Amino acid sequence: MINTGGVINPGTAPVENASEELAVAALAVFLDEVGKRAAEMNATPLKRREASLAGDPARDPGADRDGRFGWDLPLSDGRVVRLLMPGLRVELMRDDITAAAPCLYVNGTAWWWTTAVGMVAAEGLVLDLTLPYQR
């Protein structure tokens, strides 16, 4: 954990023994879960998808830090989601529900696995307050 002036940020400590190969494998699982979560979100009333993930993630080694490996995830509207994936086995991120689990970074903010999946899946969703008969 990193101590920032008396505030402790669990999950943000540098990842030891990280490897790019493990981050690549974790990214594939992560994107699969994002796709499933996005489909669930698309079925939610009062929301409309205006953009979605489109194309392959672009690796950006310049974004790497603290044992996390950077990718840009392109959206269909031209925006990009920046993801920093820890270079660890998926189980150590996804299945560990303690504060010791390493966070992923989505657009610069640290999130644990499940919330990171939701944050990326929610990109491009907007409120749709029109009634079905008004379309």
N, C-alpha and C. Protein backbone atom coordinates (compact mmCIF):
# COMPACT_ATOMS: atom_id res chain seq x y z
N MET A 1 0.84 -1.18 0.00
CA MET A 1 0.00 0.00 0.00
C MET A 1 0.88 1.24 0.00
N ILE A 2 0.39 2.26 -0.62
CA ILE A 2 1.12 3.53 -0.68
C ILE A 2 0.51 4.48 0.33
N ASN A 3 1.35 5.10 1.13
CA ASN A 3 0.89 6.07 2.10
C ASN A 3 1.02 7.45 1.47
N THR A 4 -0.09 8.14 1.32
CA THR A 4 -0.08 9.47 0.71
C THR A 4 -0.57 10.48 1.74
N GLY A 5 0.35 10.91 2.59
CA GLY A 5 0.01 11.93 3.57
C GLY A 5 -1.02 11.46 4.58
N GLY A 6 -0.88 10.23 5.07
CA GLY A 6 -1.81 9.73 6.06
C GLY A 6 -2.96 8.93 5.46
N VAL A 7 -3.17 9.01 4.17
CA VAL A 7 -4.23 8.25 3.51
C VAL A 7 -3.60 7.03 2.85
N ILE A 8 -4.15 5.87 3.14
CA ILE A 8 -3.62 4.64 2.56
C ILE A 8 -4.52 4.23 1.40
N ASN A 9 -3.91 3.94 0.26
CA ASN A 9 -4.66 3.53 -0.92
C ASN A 9 -4.42 2.04 -1.18
N PRO A 10 -5.31 1.20 -0.65
CA PRO A 10 -5.12 -0.23 -0.84
C PRO A 10 -5.12 -0.61 -2.32
N GLY A 11 -4.30 -1.58 -2.66
CA GLY A 11 -4.28 -2.09 -4.02
C GLY A 11 -3.43 -1.31 -5.01
N THR A 12 -2.86 -0.20 -4.58
CA THR A 12 -2.11 0.64 -5.50
C THR A 12 -0.60 0.50 -5.38
N ALA A 13 -0.14 -0.36 -4.50
CA ALA A 13 1.30 -0.56 -4.33
C ALA A 13 1.89 -1.13 -5.61
N PRO A 14 3.16 -0.88 -5.85
CA PRO A 14 3.80 -1.49 -7.02
C PRO A 14 3.64 -3.02 -6.99
N VAL A 15 3.47 -3.60 -8.17
CA VAL A 15 3.28 -5.04 -8.31
C VAL A 15 4.64 -5.68 -8.49
N GLU A 16 5.00 -6.56 -7.59
CA GLU A 16 6.30 -7.23 -7.65
C GLU A 16 6.20 -8.46 -8.55
N ASN A 17 7.31 -8.77 -9.20
CA ASN A 17 7.41 -9.94 -10.07
C ASN A 17 6.37 -9.94 -11.19
N ALA A 18 6.03 -8.77 -11.68
CA ALA A 18 5.05 -8.64 -12.75
C ALA A 18 5.67 -9.03 -14.09
N SER A 19 4.84 -9.55 -14.99
CA SER A 19 5.33 -9.87 -16.33
C SER A 19 4.31 -9.43 -17.37
N GLU A 20 4.82 -8.98 -18.50
CA GLU A 20 3.94 -8.56 -19.59
C GLU A 20 3.10 -9.73 -20.09
N GLU A 21 3.66 -10.93 -20.11
CA GLU A 21 2.92 -12.10 -20.59
C GLU A 21 1.67 -12.35 -19.74
N LEU A 22 1.82 -12.23 -18.42
CA LEU A 22 0.65 -12.40 -17.55
C LEU A 22 -0.35 -11.27 -17.74
N ALA A 23 0.13 -10.06 -17.97
CA ALA A 23 -0.78 -8.94 -18.23
C ALA A 23 -1.56 -9.15 -19.53
N VAL A 24 -0.91 -9.68 -20.55
CA VAL A 24 -1.58 -9.97 -21.83
C VAL A 24 -2.68 -11.01 -21.61
N ALA A 25 -2.37 -12.06 -20.87
CA ALA A 25 -3.36 -13.10 -20.59
C ALA A 25 -4.53 -12.54 -19.78
N ALA A 26 -4.21 -11.70 -18.80
CA ALA A 26 -5.26 -11.09 -17.97
C ALA A 26 -6.12 -10.15 -18.80
N LEU A 27 -5.51 -9.44 -19.74
CA LEU A 27 -6.26 -8.52 -20.59
C LEU A 27 -7.32 -9.27 -21.40
N ALA A 28 -6.98 -10.43 -21.91
CA ALA A 28 -7.95 -11.22 -22.69
C ALA A 28 -9.15 -11.60 -21.83
N VAL A 29 -8.91 -12.03 -20.61
CA VAL A 29 -10.01 -12.38 -19.69
C VAL A 29 -10.81 -11.14 -19.35
N PHE A 30 -10.11 -10.05 -19.07
CA PHE A 30 -10.76 -8.79 -18.72
C PHE A 30 -11.70 -8.32 -19.84
N LEU A 31 -11.21 -8.31 -21.07
CA LEU A 31 -12.03 -7.84 -22.19
C LEU A 31 -13.23 -8.75 -22.43
N ASP A 32 -13.08 -10.04 -22.20
CA ASP A 32 -14.21 -10.96 -22.30
C ASP A 32 -15.28 -10.60 -21.26
N GLU A 33 -14.84 -10.34 -20.04
CA GLU A 33 -15.78 -9.95 -18.98
C GLU A 33 -16.41 -8.58 -19.26
N VAL A 34 -15.65 -7.66 -19.83
CA VAL A 34 -16.20 -6.36 -20.22
C VAL A 34 -17.31 -6.55 -21.24
N GLY A 35 -17.09 -7.41 -22.23
CA GLY A 35 -18.11 -7.66 -23.24
C GLY A 35 -19.39 -8.20 -22.64
N LYS A 36 -19.28 -9.13 -21.71
CA LYS A 36 -20.46 -9.69 -21.06
C LYS A 36 -21.19 -8.63 -20.22
N ARG A 37 -20.41 -7.85 -19.49
CA ARG A 37 -21.01 -6.80 -18.65
C ARG A 37 -21.66 -5.71 -19.51
N ALA A 38 -21.04 -5.37 -20.62
CA ALA A 38 -21.63 -4.37 -21.53
C ALA A 38 -22.96 -4.86 -22.07
N ALA A 39 -23.05 -6.14 -22.41
CA ALA A 39 -24.31 -6.70 -22.90
C ALA A 39 -25.40 -6.60 -21.83
N GLU A 40 -25.04 -6.86 -20.57
CA GLU A 40 -26.00 -6.72 -19.47
C GLU A 40 -26.44 -5.26 -19.35
N MET A 41 -25.49 -4.35 -19.44
CA MET A 41 -25.81 -2.92 -19.32
C MET A 41 -26.69 -2.45 -20.47
N ASN A 42 -26.49 -3.01 -21.65
CA ASN A 42 -27.30 -2.62 -22.81
C ASN A 42 -28.77 -2.97 -22.61
N ALA A 43 -29.05 -3.97 -21.80
CA ALA A 43 -30.42 -4.40 -21.55
C ALA A 43 -31.08 -3.62 -20.42
N THR A 44 -30.32 -2.72 -19.80
CA THR A 44 -30.85 -1.95 -18.68
C THR A 44 -31.74 -0.81 -19.18
N PRO A 45 -32.94 -0.67 -18.61
CA PRO A 45 -33.80 0.44 -19.03
C PRO A 45 -33.15 1.79 -18.76
N LEU A 46 -33.55 2.76 -19.53
CA LEU A 46 -33.14 4.15 -19.38
C LEU A 46 -31.69 4.42 -19.77
N LYS A 47 -31.08 3.48 -20.45
CA LYS A 47 -29.72 3.71 -20.93
C LYS A 47 -29.65 3.38 -22.41
N ARG A 48 -28.75 4.08 -23.08
CA ARG A 48 -28.56 3.87 -24.52
C ARG A 48 -27.06 3.92 -24.78
N ARG A 49 -26.58 3.00 -25.59
CA ARG A 49 -25.16 2.96 -25.91
C ARG A 49 -24.89 3.82 -27.14
N GLU A 50 -24.00 4.80 -26.98
CA GLU A 50 -23.60 5.66 -28.09
C GLU A 50 -22.21 5.31 -28.61
N ALA A 51 -21.46 4.55 -27.83
CA ALA A 51 -20.12 4.11 -28.25
C ALA A 51 -19.81 2.80 -27.55
N SER A 52 -18.96 2.01 -28.19
CA SER A 52 -18.55 0.74 -27.61
C SER A 52 -17.09 0.48 -27.98
N LEU A 53 -16.50 -0.50 -27.33
CA LEU A 53 -15.14 -0.88 -27.68
C LEU A 53 -15.12 -1.31 -29.14
N ALA A 54 -14.11 -0.85 -29.84
CA ALA A 54 -14.01 -1.14 -31.28
C ALA A 54 -12.55 -1.33 -31.64
N GLY A 55 -12.23 -2.47 -32.19
CA GLY A 55 -10.84 -2.70 -32.58
C GLY A 55 -10.03 -3.34 -31.48
N ASP A 56 -8.78 -3.58 -31.80
CA ASP A 56 -7.87 -4.25 -30.87
C ASP A 56 -7.23 -3.25 -29.92
N PRO A 57 -6.95 -3.70 -28.69
CA PRO A 57 -6.21 -2.84 -27.77
C PRO A 57 -4.83 -2.53 -28.34
N ALA A 58 -4.37 -1.32 -28.12
CA ALA A 58 -3.05 -0.90 -28.59
C ALA A 58 -2.11 -0.84 -27.38
N ARG A 59 -1.09 -1.63 -27.41
CA ARG A 59 -0.11 -1.66 -26.32
C ARG A 59 0.69 -0.36 -26.31
N ASP A 60 0.85 0.25 -25.13
CA ASP A 60 1.62 1.48 -24.98
C ASP A 60 2.64 1.30 -23.86
N PRO A 61 3.85 0.83 -24.18
CA PRO A 61 4.86 0.62 -23.15
C PRO A 61 5.22 1.90 -22.38
N GLY A 62 5.01 3.05 -22.99
CA GLY A 62 5.29 4.31 -22.32
C GLY A 62 4.38 4.57 -21.13
N ALA A 63 3.25 3.87 -21.06
CA ALA A 63 2.31 4.03 -19.95
C ALA A 63 2.62 3.09 -18.79
N ASP A 64 3.52 2.12 -19.01
CA ASP A 64 3.82 1.13 -17.97
C ASP A 64 4.34 1.81 -16.71
N ARG A 65 3.88 1.29 -15.57
CA ARG A 65 4.43 1.77 -14.30
C ARG A 65 4.06 0.80 -13.18
N ASP A 66 4.96 0.66 -12.27
CA ASP A 66 4.73 -0.10 -11.04
C ASP A 66 4.23 -1.52 -11.28
N GLY A 67 4.73 -2.19 -12.32
CA GLY A 67 4.30 -3.55 -12.59
C GLY A 67 2.96 -3.66 -13.27
N ARG A 68 2.49 -2.52 -13.82
CA ARG A 68 1.24 -2.48 -14.57
C ARG A 68 1.59 -2.11 -16.01
N PHE A 69 0.90 -2.73 -16.95
CA PHE A 69 1.24 -2.59 -18.36
C PHE A 69 0.09 -1.87 -19.07
N GLY A 70 0.45 -0.88 -19.91
CA GLY A 70 -0.53 0.02 -20.49
C GLY A 70 -1.07 -0.41 -21.84
N TRP A 71 -2.38 -0.21 -21.99
CA TRP A 71 -3.07 -0.39 -23.27
C TRP A 71 -4.05 0.75 -23.47
N ASP A 72 -4.25 1.08 -24.72
CA ASP A 72 -5.32 1.99 -25.10
C ASP A 72 -6.41 1.15 -25.74
N LEU A 73 -7.62 1.27 -25.21
CA LEU A 73 -8.77 0.53 -25.71
C LEU A 73 -9.61 1.49 -26.56
N PRO A 74 -9.64 1.31 -27.88
CA PRO A 74 -10.35 2.26 -28.74
C PRO A 74 -11.86 2.08 -28.66
N LEU A 75 -12.55 3.22 -28.67
CA LEU A 75 -14.02 3.23 -28.71
C LEU A 75 -14.49 3.62 -30.10
N SER A 76 -15.70 3.23 -30.43
CA SER A 76 -16.24 3.47 -31.77
C SER A 76 -16.42 4.96 -32.08
N ASP A 77 -16.45 5.82 -31.06
CA ASP A 77 -16.61 7.26 -31.31
C ASP A 77 -15.27 7.99 -31.38
N GLY A 78 -14.17 7.23 -31.39
CA GLY A 78 -12.85 7.83 -31.52
C GLY A 78 -12.14 8.07 -30.19
N ARG A 79 -12.85 7.98 -29.10
CA ARG A 79 -12.19 8.13 -27.80
C ARG A 79 -11.39 6.88 -27.48
N VAL A 80 -10.56 6.99 -26.46
CA VAL A 80 -9.72 5.87 -26.04
C VAL A 80 -9.82 5.74 -24.53
N VAL A 81 -9.91 4.51 -24.05
CA VAL A 81 -9.84 4.23 -22.62
C VAL A 81 -8.42 3.73 -22.34
N ARG A 82 -7.74 4.37 -21.41
CA ARG A 82 -6.39 3.94 -21.01
C ARG A 82 -6.53 2.94 -19.88
N LEU A 83 -5.93 1.77 -20.06
CA LEU A 83 -5.98 0.70 -19.06
C LEU A 83 -4.56 0.32 -18.67
N LEU A 84 -4.30 0.25 -17.37
CA LEU A 84 -3.05 -0.29 -16.86
C LEU A 84 -3.39 -1.59 -16.15
N MET A 85 -2.88 -2.70 -16.69
CA MET A 85 -3.18 -4.04 -16.19
C MET A 85 -1.97 -4.58 -15.42
N PRO A 86 -2.17 -4.99 -14.16
CA PRO A 86 -1.08 -5.61 -13.43
C PRO A 86 -0.61 -6.89 -14.15
N GLY A 87 0.67 -7.13 -14.11
CA GLY A 87 1.24 -8.30 -14.75
C GLY A 87 1.25 -9.51 -13.84
N LEU A 88 0.05 -9.92 -13.42
CA LEU A 88 -0.13 -11.04 -12.50
C LEU A 88 -1.17 -12.01 -13.05
N ARG A 89 -1.26 -13.19 -12.41
CA ARG A 89 -2.32 -14.13 -12.77
C ARG A 89 -3.68 -13.50 -12.47
N VAL A 90 -4.64 -13.77 -13.31
CA VAL A 90 -5.98 -13.21 -13.16
C VAL A 90 -6.55 -13.46 -11.77
N GLU A 91 -6.35 -14.66 -11.26
CA GLU A 91 -6.93 -15.01 -9.96
C GLU A 91 -6.48 -14.08 -8.85
N LEU A 92 -5.28 -13.55 -8.95
CA LEU A 92 -4.77 -12.65 -7.91
C LEU A 92 -5.45 -11.28 -7.95
N MET A 93 -6.07 -10.97 -9.07
CA MET A 93 -6.77 -9.68 -9.19
C MET A 93 -8.28 -9.87 -9.07
N ARG A 94 -8.81 -10.83 -9.81
CA ARG A 94 -10.26 -11.03 -9.90
C ARG A 94 -10.83 -11.72 -8.68
N ASP A 95 -10.14 -12.72 -8.15
CA ASP A 95 -10.73 -13.57 -7.11
C ASP A 95 -10.34 -13.17 -5.69
N ASP A 96 -9.38 -12.30 -5.54
CA ASP A 96 -8.95 -11.84 -4.22
C ASP A 96 -9.84 -10.67 -3.82
N ILE A 97 -10.65 -10.87 -2.78
CA ILE A 97 -11.57 -9.80 -2.37
C ILE A 97 -11.04 -9.01 -1.17
N THR A 98 -9.75 -9.15 -0.90
CA THR A 98 -9.16 -8.38 0.18
C THR A 98 -8.59 -7.06 -0.36
N ALA A 99 -8.25 -6.19 0.55
CA ALA A 99 -7.66 -4.90 0.16
C ALA A 99 -6.26 -5.06 -0.41
N ALA A 100 -5.69 -6.26 -0.28
CA ALA A 100 -4.34 -6.50 -0.81
C ALA A 100 -4.34 -6.76 -2.32
N ALA A 101 -5.51 -7.01 -2.90
CA ALA A 101 -5.57 -7.29 -4.34
C ALA A 101 -5.10 -6.06 -5.11
N PRO A 102 -4.28 -6.27 -6.14
CA PRO A 102 -3.78 -5.12 -6.90
C PRO A 102 -4.87 -4.52 -7.78
N CYS A 103 -4.89 -3.21 -7.82
CA CYS A 103 -5.86 -2.49 -8.64
C CYS A 103 -5.40 -2.39 -10.09
N LEU A 104 -6.37 -2.26 -10.98
CA LEU A 104 -6.14 -1.87 -12.36
C LEU A 104 -6.38 -0.37 -12.41
N TYR A 105 -5.83 0.29 -13.41
CA TYR A 105 -6.10 1.71 -13.58
C TYR A 105 -6.90 1.89 -14.86
N VAL A 106 -8.02 2.59 -14.74
CA VAL A 106 -8.86 2.92 -15.89
C VAL A 106 -8.89 4.44 -15.98
N ASN A 107 -8.33 4.96 -17.06
CA ASN A 107 -8.25 6.41 -17.25
C ASN A 107 -7.66 7.12 -16.04
N GLY A 108 -6.63 6.50 -15.45
CA GLY A 108 -5.89 7.15 -14.37
C GLY A 108 -6.43 6.91 -12.97
N THR A 109 -7.54 6.21 -12.84
CA THR A 109 -8.12 5.97 -11.53
C THR A 109 -8.02 4.48 -11.19
N ALA A 110 -7.61 4.18 -9.95
CA ALA A 110 -7.44 2.80 -9.51
C ALA A 110 -8.78 2.17 -9.15
N TRP A 111 -8.98 0.95 -9.68
CA TRP A 111 -10.20 0.18 -9.39
C TRP A 111 -9.82 -1.28 -9.23
N TRP A 112 -10.52 -1.97 -8.34
CA TRP A 112 -10.35 -3.42 -8.28
C TRP A 112 -11.05 -4.03 -9.49
N TRP A 113 -10.71 -5.26 -9.79
CA TRP A 113 -11.10 -5.95 -11.03
C TRP A 113 -12.56 -5.75 -11.40
N THR A 114 -13.48 -6.14 -10.53
CA THR A 114 -14.90 -6.12 -10.88
C THR A 114 -15.38 -4.71 -11.22
N THR A 115 -14.93 -3.73 -10.45
CA THR A 115 -15.34 -2.36 -10.73
C THR A 115 -14.68 -1.85 -12.00
N ALA A 116 -13.43 -2.24 -12.26
CA ALA A 116 -12.76 -1.85 -13.50
C ALA A 116 -13.51 -2.41 -14.71
N VAL A 117 -13.96 -3.65 -14.61
CA VAL A 117 -14.77 -4.24 -15.69
C VAL A 117 -16.00 -3.37 -15.93
N GLY A 118 -16.68 -3.00 -14.87
CA GLY A 118 -17.88 -2.17 -15.00
C GLY A 118 -17.60 -0.79 -15.56
N MET A 119 -16.48 -0.20 -15.16
CA MET A 119 -16.13 1.14 -15.65
C MET A 119 -15.90 1.12 -17.16
N VAL A 120 -15.17 0.12 -17.64
CA VAL A 120 -14.90 0.04 -19.08
C VAL A 120 -16.18 -0.31 -19.83
N ALA A 121 -16.97 -1.24 -19.27
CA ALA A 121 -18.22 -1.63 -19.92
C ALA A 121 -19.20 -0.46 -20.02
N ALA A 122 -19.15 0.46 -19.07
CA ALA A 122 -20.08 1.60 -19.05
C ALA A 122 -19.66 2.72 -19.99
N GLU A 123 -18.42 2.69 -20.49
CA GLU A 123 -17.99 3.74 -21.41
C GLU A 123 -18.92 3.75 -22.62
N GLY A 124 -19.43 4.91 -22.95
CA GLY A 124 -20.30 5.05 -24.12
C GLY A 124 -21.78 4.93 -23.81
N LEU A 125 -22.13 4.65 -22.55
CA LEU A 125 -23.54 4.61 -22.17
C LEU A 125 -24.01 6.00 -21.75
N VAL A 126 -25.23 6.33 -22.12
CA VAL A 126 -25.84 7.60 -21.72
C VAL A 126 -27.26 7.32 -21.24
N LEU A 127 -27.78 8.22 -20.45
CA LEU A 127 -29.17 8.10 -20.04
C LEU A 127 -30.08 8.31 -21.24
N ASP A 128 -31.13 7.52 -21.31
CA ASP A 128 -32.13 7.64 -22.37
C ASP A 128 -33.47 7.78 -21.70
N LEU A 129 -33.93 9.00 -21.56
CA LEU A 129 -35.17 9.26 -20.85
C LEU A 129 -36.39 9.32 -21.77
N THR A 130 -36.20 8.98 -23.04
CA THR A 130 -37.34 8.96 -23.95
C THR A 130 -38.16 7.70 -23.69
N LEU A 131 -39.45 7.84 -23.80
CA LEU A 131 -40.33 6.69 -23.63
C LEU A 131 -40.36 5.89 -24.94
N PRO A 132 -40.58 4.59 -24.85
CA PRO A 132 -40.55 3.77 -26.07
C PRO A 132 -41.45 4.27 -27.19
N TYR A 133 -42.61 4.83 -26.86
CA TYR A 133 -43.51 5.28 -27.91
C TYR A 133 -43.10 6.63 -28.50
N GLN A 134 -42.06 7.27 -27.96
CA GLN A 134 -41.60 8.54 -28.48
C GLN A 134 -40.49 8.38 -29.52
N ARG A 135 -40.04 7.18 -29.76
CA ARG A 135 -38.94 6.97 -30.70
C ARG A 135 -39.41 6.94 -32.11
